[in-house]
């Protein structure tokens, strides 16, 4: 069973920086680029904090006001929250579930799309992934050049999370280059109108 990612990460940041405001939890996760690799929306952090407090996993330690700004609640992990965090983390660490790649579906439907569209899409995919990979590599270097102190900058382990993301990206790049090359060389041709003895409907227009 998959661990609820937002719940686990919000607990982790509260534990790391406690006592901590919700705004700082959100800011920390943004600095980790969690919205990219964990699909965490910034607004969902506050909802998670409310749920965790309701469930007794974090407690509101107090409120503070900075000038004319609204009051901000300070959170701290409870004993039950520490226990829950440990159990969720162990489950996540020992997970070996394979990622369900979203691009498998359109690949299975290549014959239904015009060949020119498939080639153009794969070329665009290459350009996007090459740019994304360059960004991730530079971000890793920037993070590792810092102190690693979460009070000052992203901690060093965030670079390792990015390296995992970058390695997946390299694999996707290699698959895209190889598949595009096979199509352009005529080795992969699913646009002949037949598959064995079956007639395939023409590509959509």
N, C-alpha and C. Protein backbone atom coordinates (compact mmCIF):
# COMPACT_ATOMS: atom_id res chain seq x y z
N UNK A 1 0.86 -1.20 0.00
CA UNK A 1 0.00 0.00 0.00
C UNK A 1 0.88 1.24 0.00
N UNK A 2 0.59 2.18 -0.91
CA UNK A 2 1.40 3.38 -1.03
C UNK A 2 1.20 4.31 0.17
N UNK A 3 2.28 4.92 0.60
CA UNK A 3 2.22 5.87 1.72
C UNK A 3 1.73 7.22 1.19
N UNK A 4 0.80 7.89 1.90
CA UNK A 4 0.35 9.22 1.48
C UNK A 4 1.53 10.20 1.51
N UNK A 5 1.96 10.63 0.34
CA UNK A 5 3.20 11.40 0.22
C UNK A 5 3.14 12.73 0.96
N UNK A 6 2.06 13.48 0.75
CA UNK A 6 1.97 14.80 1.39
C UNK A 6 2.00 14.67 2.90
N UNK A 7 1.27 13.72 3.42
CA UNK A 7 1.21 13.50 4.88
C UNK A 7 2.61 13.19 5.43
N UNK A 8 3.32 12.31 4.75
CA UNK A 8 4.66 11.92 5.20
C UNK A 8 5.63 13.09 5.16
N UNK A 9 5.63 13.84 4.07
CA UNK A 9 6.59 14.94 3.92
C UNK A 9 6.30 16.09 4.87
N UNK A 10 5.03 16.39 5.08
CA UNK A 10 4.69 17.47 6.01
C UNK A 10 5.10 17.08 7.43
N UNK A 11 4.84 15.84 7.81
CA UNK A 11 5.30 15.37 9.12
C UNK A 11 6.82 15.48 9.24
N UNK A 12 7.51 15.12 8.16
CA UNK A 12 8.97 15.14 8.18
C UNK A 12 9.51 16.55 8.39
N UNK A 13 8.91 17.52 7.71
CA UNK A 13 9.40 18.90 7.83
C UNK A 13 9.07 19.49 9.20
N UNK A 14 7.87 19.19 9.72
CA UNK A 14 7.54 19.65 11.08
C UNK A 14 8.55 19.07 12.06
N UNK A 15 8.87 17.80 11.91
CA UNK A 15 9.83 17.14 12.80
C UNK A 15 11.23 17.76 12.67
N UNK A 16 11.60 18.12 11.46
CA UNK A 16 12.93 18.66 11.19
C UNK A 16 13.11 20.07 11.73
N UNK A 17 12.07 20.90 11.59
CA UNK A 17 12.20 22.33 11.89
C UNK A 17 11.41 22.78 13.12
N UNK A 18 10.76 21.88 13.82
CA UNK A 18 9.89 22.26 14.93
C UNK A 18 10.62 23.08 16.00
N UNK A 19 9.89 24.03 16.60
CA UNK A 19 8.53 24.49 16.26
C UNK A 19 8.56 25.28 14.95
N UNK A 20 7.53 25.08 14.13
CA UNK A 20 7.56 25.66 12.79
C UNK A 20 6.18 26.13 12.36
N UNK A 21 6.15 27.23 11.61
CA UNK A 21 4.89 27.75 11.07
C UNK A 21 4.53 26.98 9.80
N UNK A 22 3.25 26.98 9.47
CA UNK A 22 2.80 26.34 8.24
C UNK A 22 3.45 26.96 7.02
N UNK A 23 3.64 28.28 7.04
CA UNK A 23 4.28 28.95 5.91
C UNK A 23 5.69 28.42 5.69
N UNK A 24 6.41 28.17 6.78
CA UNK A 24 7.78 27.68 6.64
C UNK A 24 7.82 26.22 6.20
N UNK A 25 6.81 25.43 6.57
CA UNK A 25 6.71 24.06 6.06
C UNK A 25 6.54 24.09 4.55
N UNK A 26 5.64 24.95 4.10
CA UNK A 26 5.38 25.08 2.66
C UNK A 26 6.64 25.56 1.94
N UNK A 27 7.29 26.56 2.49
CA UNK A 27 8.50 27.11 1.85
C UNK A 27 9.61 26.07 1.77
N UNK A 28 9.76 25.27 2.83
CA UNK A 28 10.80 24.24 2.85
C UNK A 28 10.54 23.20 1.76
N UNK A 29 9.30 22.75 1.63
CA UNK A 29 8.98 21.76 0.61
C UNK A 29 9.13 22.32 -0.79
N UNK A 30 8.84 23.60 -0.97
CA UNK A 30 9.07 24.24 -2.27
C UNK A 30 10.55 24.27 -2.59
N UNK A 31 11.39 24.53 -1.58
CA UNK A 31 12.83 24.57 -1.81
C UNK A 31 13.38 23.18 -2.14
N UNK A 32 12.66 22.15 -1.73
CA UNK A 32 13.06 20.77 -2.07
C UNK A 32 12.54 20.37 -3.46
N UNK A 33 11.76 21.25 -4.11
CA UNK A 33 11.13 20.97 -5.40
C UNK A 33 10.17 19.78 -5.30
N UNK A 34 9.54 19.65 -4.13
CA UNK A 34 8.65 18.51 -3.90
C UNK A 34 7.44 18.52 -4.83
N UNK A 35 7.09 19.70 -5.35
CA UNK A 35 5.95 19.75 -6.27
C UNK A 35 6.27 19.03 -7.58
N UNK A 36 7.58 18.86 -7.88
CA UNK A 36 7.98 18.18 -9.11
C UNK A 36 8.01 16.67 -8.94
N UNK A 37 8.67 16.19 -7.87
CA UNK A 37 8.86 14.75 -7.74
C UNK A 37 7.85 14.06 -6.83
N UNK A 38 7.08 14.84 -6.10
CA UNK A 38 6.06 14.22 -5.23
C UNK A 38 4.66 14.74 -5.54
N UNK A 39 4.56 15.64 -6.53
CA UNK A 39 3.26 16.17 -6.95
C UNK A 39 2.49 16.81 -5.79
N UNK A 40 3.24 17.51 -4.93
CA UNK A 40 2.62 18.19 -3.80
C UNK A 40 2.28 19.62 -4.21
N UNK A 41 1.03 19.97 -4.13
CA UNK A 41 0.60 21.33 -4.43
C UNK A 41 0.81 22.19 -3.19
N UNK A 42 1.34 23.42 -3.37
CA UNK A 42 1.61 24.28 -2.21
C UNK A 42 0.42 24.44 -1.27
N UNK A 43 -0.77 24.57 -1.84
CA UNK A 43 -1.96 24.76 -1.00
C UNK A 43 -2.33 23.54 -0.19
N UNK A 44 -1.89 22.36 -0.63
CA UNK A 44 -2.25 21.13 0.08
C UNK A 44 -1.51 21.00 1.40
N UNK A 45 -0.44 21.77 1.57
CA UNK A 45 0.33 21.70 2.82
C UNK A 45 -0.52 22.13 3.99
N UNK A 46 -1.28 23.21 3.82
CA UNK A 46 -2.11 23.71 4.93
C UNK A 46 -3.23 22.74 5.26
N UNK A 47 -3.80 22.12 4.23
CA UNK A 47 -4.82 21.11 4.47
C UNK A 47 -4.24 19.92 5.23
N UNK A 48 -3.01 19.54 4.88
CA UNK A 48 -2.36 18.42 5.57
C UNK A 48 -2.09 18.77 7.02
N UNK A 49 -1.66 19.99 7.29
CA UNK A 49 -1.40 20.42 8.67
C UNK A 49 -2.68 20.34 9.51
N UNK A 50 -3.78 20.80 8.93
CA UNK A 50 -5.06 20.74 9.65
C UNK A 50 -5.46 19.29 9.95
N UNK A 51 -5.27 18.42 8.96
CA UNK A 51 -5.62 17.00 9.15
C UNK A 51 -4.71 16.35 10.19
N UNK A 52 -3.41 16.65 10.12
CA UNK A 52 -2.47 16.06 11.08
C UNK A 52 -2.77 16.53 12.51
N UNK A 53 -3.18 17.79 12.64
CA UNK A 53 -3.54 18.29 13.97
C UNK A 53 -4.81 17.61 14.46
N UNK A 54 -5.78 17.46 13.57
CA UNK A 54 -7.04 16.79 13.93
C UNK A 54 -6.78 15.35 14.36
N UNK A 55 -5.80 14.70 13.70
CA UNK A 55 -5.48 13.30 14.01
C UNK A 55 -4.55 13.15 15.21
N UNK A 56 -4.15 14.27 15.80
CA UNK A 56 -3.31 14.22 16.99
C UNK A 56 -1.84 13.93 16.72
N UNK A 57 -1.40 14.11 15.46
CA UNK A 57 -0.01 13.82 15.11
C UNK A 57 0.90 15.04 15.25
N UNK A 58 0.30 16.23 15.19
CA UNK A 58 1.02 17.46 15.49
C UNK A 58 0.14 18.29 16.41
N UNK A 59 0.77 19.19 17.13
CA UNK A 59 -0.01 20.06 18.03
C UNK A 59 0.34 21.51 17.75
N UNK A 60 -0.65 22.37 17.95
CA UNK A 60 -0.44 23.80 17.81
C UNK A 60 0.18 24.31 19.11
N UNK A 61 1.40 24.80 19.01
CA UNK A 61 2.12 25.24 20.20
C UNK A 61 1.77 26.67 20.59
N UNK A 62 1.33 27.44 19.61
CA UNK A 62 0.97 28.83 19.88
C UNK A 62 0.79 29.59 18.59
N UNK A 63 0.48 30.86 18.69
CA UNK A 63 0.33 31.71 17.51
C UNK A 63 1.22 32.93 17.66
N UNK A 64 1.66 33.44 16.51
CA UNK A 64 2.50 34.64 16.48
C UNK A 64 1.96 35.58 15.43
N UNK A 65 2.19 36.87 15.65
CA UNK A 65 1.80 37.87 14.67
C UNK A 65 3.01 38.75 14.36
N UNK A 66 3.27 38.94 13.06
CA UNK A 66 4.38 39.78 12.63
C UNK A 66 3.81 41.03 11.98
N UNK A 67 3.76 42.12 12.75
CA UNK A 67 3.21 43.37 12.24
C UNK A 67 1.74 43.23 11.92
N UNK A 68 1.37 43.67 10.71
CA UNK A 68 -0.03 43.65 10.31
C UNK A 68 -0.41 42.32 9.66
N UNK A 69 0.53 41.39 9.58
CA UNK A 69 0.23 40.10 8.95
C UNK A 69 -0.70 39.28 9.84
N UNK A 70 -1.44 38.33 9.23
CA UNK A 70 -2.32 37.46 10.02
C UNK A 70 -1.52 36.61 11.01
N UNK A 71 -2.18 36.17 12.05
CA UNK A 71 -1.52 35.31 13.02
C UNK A 71 -1.10 34.00 12.36
N UNK A 72 0.07 33.48 12.79
CA UNK A 72 0.57 32.23 12.25
C UNK A 72 0.70 31.21 13.39
N UNK A 73 0.20 30.02 13.12
CA UNK A 73 0.23 28.95 14.11
C UNK A 73 1.58 28.24 14.06
N UNK A 74 2.12 27.93 15.23
CA UNK A 74 3.37 27.18 15.34
C UNK A 74 3.05 25.73 15.69
N UNK A 75 3.66 24.79 14.95
CA UNK A 75 3.37 23.37 15.13
C UNK A 75 4.57 22.60 15.65
N UNK A 76 4.25 21.52 16.38
CA UNK A 76 5.28 20.61 16.88
C UNK A 76 4.74 19.18 16.79
N UNK A 77 5.63 18.24 16.54
CA UNK A 77 5.23 16.83 16.45
C UNK A 77 4.84 16.31 17.83
N UNK A 78 3.79 15.51 17.89
CA UNK A 78 3.41 14.85 19.14
C UNK A 78 4.10 13.48 19.21
N UNK A 79 3.99 12.82 20.35
CA UNK A 79 4.56 11.47 20.49
C UNK A 79 3.91 10.52 19.50
N UNK A 80 2.60 10.66 19.32
CA UNK A 80 1.90 9.81 18.35
C UNK A 80 2.36 10.13 16.93
N UNK A 81 2.64 11.41 16.68
CA UNK A 81 3.14 11.81 15.37
C UNK A 81 4.50 11.23 15.08
N UNK A 82 5.35 11.18 16.10
CA UNK A 82 6.68 10.57 15.94
C UNK A 82 6.54 9.09 15.59
N UNK A 83 5.63 8.41 16.26
CA UNK A 83 5.41 6.99 15.99
C UNK A 83 4.87 6.78 14.58
N UNK A 84 3.89 7.59 14.20
CA UNK A 84 3.28 7.47 12.87
C UNK A 84 4.31 7.77 11.79
N UNK A 85 5.12 8.81 12.01
CA UNK A 85 6.15 9.16 11.04
C UNK A 85 7.12 8.00 10.83
N UNK A 86 7.56 7.38 11.92
CA UNK A 86 8.49 6.26 11.82
C UNK A 86 7.90 5.09 11.04
N UNK A 87 6.64 4.78 11.29
CA UNK A 87 5.99 3.67 10.59
C UNK A 87 5.83 3.97 9.11
N UNK A 88 5.41 5.20 8.79
CA UNK A 88 5.22 5.57 7.39
C UNK A 88 6.55 5.60 6.65
N UNK A 89 7.59 6.11 7.31
CA UNK A 89 8.90 6.18 6.68
C UNK A 89 9.45 4.80 6.37
N UNK A 90 9.32 3.88 7.32
CA UNK A 90 9.81 2.51 7.08
C UNK A 90 9.06 1.86 5.91
N UNK A 91 7.75 2.07 5.87
CA UNK A 91 6.97 1.52 4.76
C UNK A 91 7.44 2.08 3.43
N UNK A 92 7.68 3.40 3.39
CA UNK A 92 8.12 4.04 2.15
C UNK A 92 9.52 3.60 1.75
N UNK A 93 10.41 3.47 2.74
CA UNK A 93 11.79 3.08 2.46
C UNK A 93 11.89 1.69 1.84
N UNK A 94 11.07 0.77 2.34
CA UNK A 94 11.14 -0.61 1.87
C UNK A 94 10.20 -0.89 0.71
N UNK A 95 9.56 0.15 0.21
CA UNK A 95 8.69 -0.01 -0.95
C UNK A 95 9.53 -0.30 -2.19
N UNK A 96 9.08 -1.26 -2.98
CA UNK A 96 9.76 -1.58 -4.24
C UNK A 96 8.76 -1.61 -5.39
N UNK A 97 7.71 -0.81 -5.26
CA UNK A 97 6.70 -0.75 -6.31
C UNK A 97 7.26 -0.06 -7.54
N UNK A 98 6.96 -0.61 -8.70
CA UNK A 98 7.40 0.01 -9.95
C UNK A 98 6.48 1.19 -10.28
N UNK A 99 7.10 2.24 -10.79
CA UNK A 99 6.33 3.42 -11.19
C UNK A 99 5.50 3.08 -12.42
N UNK A 100 4.23 3.44 -12.39
CA UNK A 100 3.37 3.26 -13.55
C UNK A 100 3.59 4.46 -14.47
N UNK A 101 4.38 4.25 -15.51
CA UNK A 101 4.79 5.35 -16.38
C UNK A 101 3.61 5.81 -17.24
N UNK A 102 3.25 7.10 -17.18
CA UNK A 102 2.08 7.58 -17.92
C UNK A 102 2.25 7.52 -19.44
N UNK A 103 3.51 7.46 -19.92
CA UNK A 103 3.71 7.48 -21.38
C UNK A 103 3.51 6.12 -22.02
N UNK A 104 3.37 5.07 -21.20
CA UNK A 104 3.15 3.73 -21.75
C UNK A 104 1.84 3.70 -22.55
N UNK A 105 0.83 4.41 -22.10
CA UNK A 105 -0.47 4.39 -22.78
C UNK A 105 -0.37 4.97 -24.19
N UNK A 106 0.15 6.21 -24.38
CA UNK A 106 0.25 6.70 -25.76
C UNK A 106 1.18 5.87 -26.64
N UNK A 107 2.22 5.25 -26.06
CA UNK A 107 3.10 4.38 -26.86
C UNK A 107 2.31 3.19 -27.39
N UNK A 108 1.45 2.62 -26.54
CA UNK A 108 0.62 1.50 -26.98
C UNK A 108 -0.36 1.92 -28.07
N UNK A 109 -0.60 3.22 -28.18
CA UNK A 109 -1.56 3.72 -29.18
C UNK A 109 -0.88 4.42 -30.35
N UNK A 110 0.44 4.21 -30.51
CA UNK A 110 1.16 4.80 -31.65
C UNK A 110 0.44 4.60 -32.99
N UNK A 111 -0.09 3.39 -33.28
CA UNK A 111 -0.72 3.19 -34.60
C UNK A 111 -1.93 4.08 -34.84
N UNK A 112 -2.53 4.60 -33.76
CA UNK A 112 -3.73 5.42 -33.91
C UNK A 112 -3.42 6.88 -34.18
N UNK A 113 -2.15 7.27 -34.09
CA UNK A 113 -1.73 8.65 -34.33
C UNK A 113 -0.93 8.71 -35.62
N UNK A 114 -1.00 9.81 -36.35
CA UNK A 114 -0.18 9.93 -37.55
C UNK A 114 1.30 9.82 -37.23
N UNK A 115 2.04 9.18 -38.09
CA UNK A 115 3.47 8.99 -37.86
C UNK A 115 4.18 10.33 -37.65
N UNK A 116 3.80 11.33 -38.42
CA UNK A 116 4.44 12.65 -38.29
C UNK A 116 4.21 13.24 -36.90
N UNK A 117 3.03 13.00 -36.33
CA UNK A 117 2.73 13.50 -34.98
C UNK A 117 3.58 12.78 -33.93
N UNK A 118 3.73 11.46 -34.09
CA UNK A 118 4.53 10.69 -33.14
C UNK A 118 5.98 11.16 -33.18
N UNK A 119 6.53 11.33 -34.38
CA UNK A 119 7.92 11.79 -34.52
C UNK A 119 8.08 13.18 -33.91
N UNK A 120 7.15 14.09 -34.21
CA UNK A 120 7.24 15.44 -33.66
C UNK A 120 7.15 15.43 -32.14
N UNK A 121 6.27 14.58 -31.59
CA UNK A 121 6.11 14.50 -30.14
C UNK A 121 7.38 13.96 -29.48
N UNK A 122 8.00 12.96 -30.08
CA UNK A 122 9.23 12.40 -29.51
C UNK A 122 10.36 13.42 -29.57
N UNK A 123 10.45 14.18 -30.64
CA UNK A 123 11.49 15.22 -30.74
C UNK A 123 11.27 16.30 -29.68
N UNK A 124 10.01 16.69 -29.49
CA UNK A 124 9.70 17.71 -28.46
C UNK A 124 10.02 17.17 -27.07
N UNK A 125 9.76 15.88 -26.87
CA UNK A 125 10.05 15.23 -25.61
C UNK A 125 11.55 15.26 -25.31
N UNK A 126 12.36 15.01 -26.33
CA UNK A 126 13.80 15.08 -26.18
C UNK A 126 14.26 16.45 -25.73
N UNK A 127 13.78 17.49 -26.38
CA UNK A 127 14.17 18.85 -26.03
C UNK A 127 13.78 19.20 -24.60
N UNK A 128 12.56 18.82 -24.22
CA UNK A 128 12.08 19.12 -22.86
C UNK A 128 12.92 18.39 -21.82
N UNK A 129 13.18 17.11 -22.04
CA UNK A 129 13.92 16.32 -21.05
C UNK A 129 15.37 16.75 -20.96
N UNK A 130 15.97 17.15 -22.08
CA UNK A 130 17.35 17.63 -22.04
C UNK A 130 17.45 18.90 -21.20
N UNK A 131 16.47 19.79 -21.36
CA UNK A 131 16.45 21.03 -20.56
C UNK A 131 16.21 20.71 -19.08
N UNK A 132 15.29 19.80 -18.80
CA UNK A 132 15.00 19.42 -17.42
C UNK A 132 16.21 18.79 -16.75
N UNK A 133 16.93 17.96 -17.50
CA UNK A 133 18.10 17.28 -16.94
C UNK A 133 19.20 18.29 -16.62
N UNK A 134 19.40 19.25 -17.49
CA UNK A 134 20.41 20.29 -17.23
C UNK A 134 20.06 21.07 -15.97
N UNK A 135 18.77 21.39 -15.80
CA UNK A 135 18.33 22.11 -14.60
C UNK A 135 18.60 21.30 -13.34
N UNK A 136 18.25 20.01 -13.37
CA UNK A 136 18.45 19.15 -12.20
C UNK A 136 19.93 19.02 -11.85
N UNK A 137 20.77 18.88 -12.85
CA UNK A 137 22.20 18.75 -12.59
C UNK A 137 22.77 20.02 -11.95
N UNK A 138 22.33 21.16 -12.43
CA UNK A 138 22.80 22.43 -11.85
C UNK A 138 22.27 22.64 -10.43
N UNK A 139 21.02 22.23 -10.20
CA UNK A 139 20.46 22.34 -8.86
C UNK A 139 21.18 21.44 -7.87
N UNK A 140 21.55 20.24 -8.31
CA UNK A 140 22.32 19.35 -7.44
C UNK A 140 23.64 19.99 -7.02
N UNK A 141 24.34 20.57 -7.99
CA UNK A 141 25.61 21.22 -7.70
C UNK A 141 25.42 22.38 -6.73
N UNK A 142 24.35 23.18 -6.94
CA UNK A 142 24.10 24.33 -6.07
C UNK A 142 23.83 23.89 -4.64
N UNK A 143 23.00 22.86 -4.48
CA UNK A 143 22.65 22.40 -3.14
C UNK A 143 23.85 21.82 -2.42
N UNK A 144 24.63 21.02 -3.12
CA UNK A 144 25.80 20.39 -2.50
C UNK A 144 26.90 21.38 -2.18
N UNK A 145 26.88 22.54 -2.84
CA UNK A 145 27.87 23.58 -2.55
C UNK A 145 27.52 24.36 -1.29
N UNK A 146 26.27 24.20 -0.80
CA UNK A 146 25.84 24.91 0.40
C UNK A 146 26.18 24.15 1.67
N UNK A 147 25.74 24.68 2.78
CA UNK A 147 26.07 24.10 4.08
C UNK A 147 25.29 22.83 4.38
N UNK A 148 24.11 22.68 3.76
CA UNK A 148 23.25 21.54 4.07
C UNK A 148 22.37 21.76 5.28
N UNK A 149 22.53 22.91 5.93
CA UNK A 149 21.73 23.25 7.10
C UNK A 149 20.35 23.69 6.64
N UNK A 150 19.27 22.97 7.02
CA UNK A 150 17.93 23.33 6.53
C UNK A 150 17.46 24.70 6.99
N UNK A 151 18.11 25.27 7.99
CA UNK A 151 17.74 26.62 8.41
C UNK A 151 18.28 27.66 7.44
N UNK A 152 19.26 27.27 6.60
CA UNK A 152 19.87 28.22 5.68
C UNK A 152 19.56 27.91 4.22
N UNK A 153 19.59 26.64 3.87
CA UNK A 153 19.47 26.22 2.48
C UNK A 153 18.91 24.81 2.46
N UNK A 154 18.62 24.29 1.27
CA UNK A 154 18.12 22.93 1.17
C UNK A 154 19.17 21.96 1.73
N UNK A 155 18.74 20.97 2.53
CA UNK A 155 19.68 19.98 3.04
C UNK A 155 20.25 19.13 1.91
N UNK A 156 21.44 18.57 2.13
CA UNK A 156 22.15 17.85 1.07
C UNK A 156 21.37 16.66 0.52
N UNK A 157 20.54 16.02 1.36
CA UNK A 157 19.83 14.84 0.85
C UNK A 157 18.83 15.19 -0.24
N UNK A 158 18.44 16.47 -0.34
CA UNK A 158 17.55 16.88 -1.42
C UNK A 158 18.23 16.68 -2.77
N UNK A 159 19.56 16.88 -2.81
CA UNK A 159 20.30 16.65 -4.05
C UNK A 159 20.23 15.18 -4.46
N UNK A 160 20.21 14.28 -3.47
CA UNK A 160 20.10 12.85 -3.80
C UNK A 160 18.71 12.52 -4.35
N UNK A 161 17.69 13.19 -3.83
CA UNK A 161 16.34 13.00 -4.38
C UNK A 161 16.31 13.48 -5.83
N UNK A 162 16.99 14.58 -6.09
CA UNK A 162 17.05 15.10 -7.46
C UNK A 162 17.86 14.17 -8.37
N UNK A 163 18.89 13.55 -7.81
CA UNK A 163 19.70 12.62 -8.60
C UNK A 163 18.85 11.41 -9.02
N UNK A 164 17.99 10.95 -8.13
CA UNK A 164 17.09 9.84 -8.48
C UNK A 164 16.18 10.27 -9.62
N UNK A 165 15.64 11.48 -9.52
CA UNK A 165 14.77 12.01 -10.57
C UNK A 165 15.55 12.15 -11.88
N UNK A 166 16.79 12.62 -11.79
CA UNK A 166 17.61 12.79 -12.98
C UNK A 166 17.93 11.46 -13.63
N UNK A 167 18.18 10.42 -12.83
CA UNK A 167 18.48 9.11 -13.38
C UNK A 167 17.27 8.54 -14.14
N UNK A 168 16.07 8.75 -13.60
CA UNK A 168 14.87 8.33 -14.31
C UNK A 168 14.74 9.11 -15.63
N UNK A 169 15.09 10.39 -15.57
CA UNK A 169 15.01 11.24 -16.76
C UNK A 169 15.99 10.76 -17.83
N UNK A 170 17.20 10.36 -17.42
CA UNK A 170 18.19 9.85 -18.37
C UNK A 170 17.68 8.58 -19.06
N UNK A 171 17.04 7.72 -18.27
CA UNK A 171 16.48 6.49 -18.85
C UNK A 171 15.40 6.82 -19.86
N UNK A 172 14.56 7.81 -19.53
CA UNK A 172 13.49 8.22 -20.44
C UNK A 172 14.09 8.84 -21.71
N UNK A 173 15.14 9.62 -21.54
CA UNK A 173 15.83 10.21 -22.70
C UNK A 173 16.38 9.13 -23.62
N UNK A 174 17.03 8.12 -23.03
CA UNK A 174 17.62 7.04 -23.82
C UNK A 174 16.53 6.28 -24.57
N UNK A 175 15.41 5.99 -23.89
CA UNK A 175 14.30 5.30 -24.56
C UNK A 175 13.76 6.15 -25.71
N UNK A 176 13.60 7.46 -25.48
CA UNK A 176 13.04 8.34 -26.51
C UNK A 176 13.97 8.42 -27.71
N UNK A 177 15.27 8.57 -27.49
CA UNK A 177 16.23 8.62 -28.60
C UNK A 177 16.20 7.32 -29.40
N UNK A 178 16.21 6.19 -28.68
CA UNK A 178 16.24 4.89 -29.35
C UNK A 178 14.96 4.66 -30.16
N UNK A 179 13.81 4.98 -29.57
CA UNK A 179 12.54 4.77 -30.25
C UNK A 179 12.41 5.68 -31.47
N UNK A 180 12.81 6.94 -31.32
CA UNK A 180 12.77 7.87 -32.45
C UNK A 180 13.69 7.38 -33.56
N UNK A 181 14.87 6.90 -33.19
CA UNK A 181 15.81 6.39 -34.19
C UNK A 181 15.24 5.19 -34.94
N UNK A 182 14.55 4.29 -34.22
CA UNK A 182 13.96 3.12 -34.85
C UNK A 182 12.85 3.50 -35.83
N UNK A 183 12.06 4.51 -35.45
CA UNK A 183 10.98 4.96 -36.34
C UNK A 183 11.58 5.59 -37.59
N UNK A 184 12.56 6.46 -37.40
CA UNK A 184 13.15 7.17 -38.54
C UNK A 184 13.93 6.23 -39.46
N UNK A 185 14.46 5.13 -38.91
CA UNK A 185 15.20 4.16 -39.73
C UNK A 185 14.26 3.13 -40.37
N UNK A 186 12.98 3.18 -40.03
CA UNK A 186 12.02 2.23 -40.58
C UNK A 186 11.98 0.90 -39.86
N UNK A 187 12.70 0.79 -38.74
CA UNK A 187 12.70 -0.46 -37.97
C UNK A 187 11.40 -0.63 -37.19
N UNK A 188 10.81 0.48 -36.80
CA UNK A 188 9.52 0.44 -36.09
C UNK A 188 8.50 1.14 -36.97
N UNK A 189 7.65 0.34 -37.60
CA UNK A 189 6.64 0.90 -38.50
C UNK A 189 5.30 0.27 -38.18
N UNK A 190 4.46 1.03 -37.50
CA UNK A 190 3.13 0.52 -37.12
C UNK A 190 2.03 1.25 -37.90
N UNK A 191 2.43 1.85 -39.02
CA UNK A 191 1.48 2.65 -39.79
C UNK A 191 1.19 2.04 -41.15
N UNK A 192 1.38 0.73 -41.27
CA UNK A 192 1.15 0.05 -42.56
C UNK A 192 -0.33 -0.24 -42.81
N UNK A 193 -1.14 -0.13 -41.76
CA UNK A 193 -2.58 -0.38 -41.90
C UNK A 193 -2.98 -1.78 -41.51
N UNK A 194 -1.99 -2.64 -41.23
CA UNK A 194 -2.31 -4.01 -40.79
C UNK A 194 -1.40 -4.43 -39.66
N UNK A 195 -1.89 -5.36 -38.84
CA UNK A 195 -1.09 -6.01 -37.81
C UNK A 195 -1.37 -7.49 -37.94
N UNK A 196 -0.44 -8.22 -38.56
CA UNK A 196 -0.71 -9.61 -38.85
C UNK A 196 -1.82 -9.71 -39.87
N UNK A 197 -2.88 -10.40 -39.52
CA UNK A 197 -4.01 -10.53 -40.44
C UNK A 197 -5.11 -9.51 -40.14
N UNK A 198 -4.88 -8.64 -39.13
CA UNK A 198 -5.90 -7.67 -38.73
C UNK A 198 -5.70 -6.34 -39.44
N UNK A 199 -6.78 -5.76 -39.84
CA UNK A 199 -6.74 -4.41 -40.44
C UNK A 199 -6.84 -3.39 -39.32
N UNK A 200 -5.92 -2.42 -39.32
CA UNK A 200 -5.88 -1.40 -38.28
C UNK A 200 -6.56 -0.13 -38.79
N UNK A 201 -7.47 0.46 -38.01
CA UNK A 201 -8.09 1.71 -38.47
C UNK A 201 -7.04 2.77 -38.76
N UNK A 202 -7.29 3.65 -39.69
CA UNK A 202 -6.31 4.69 -40.01
C UNK A 202 -6.11 5.63 -38.81
N UNK A 203 -4.94 6.27 -38.76
CA UNK A 203 -4.69 7.21 -37.66
C UNK A 203 -5.73 8.33 -37.62
N UNK A 204 -5.95 8.85 -36.43
CA UNK A 204 -6.88 9.98 -36.28
C UNK A 204 -6.27 11.21 -36.94
N UNK A 205 -7.11 12.09 -37.38
CA UNK A 205 -6.66 13.33 -38.03
C UNK A 205 -7.12 14.54 -37.25
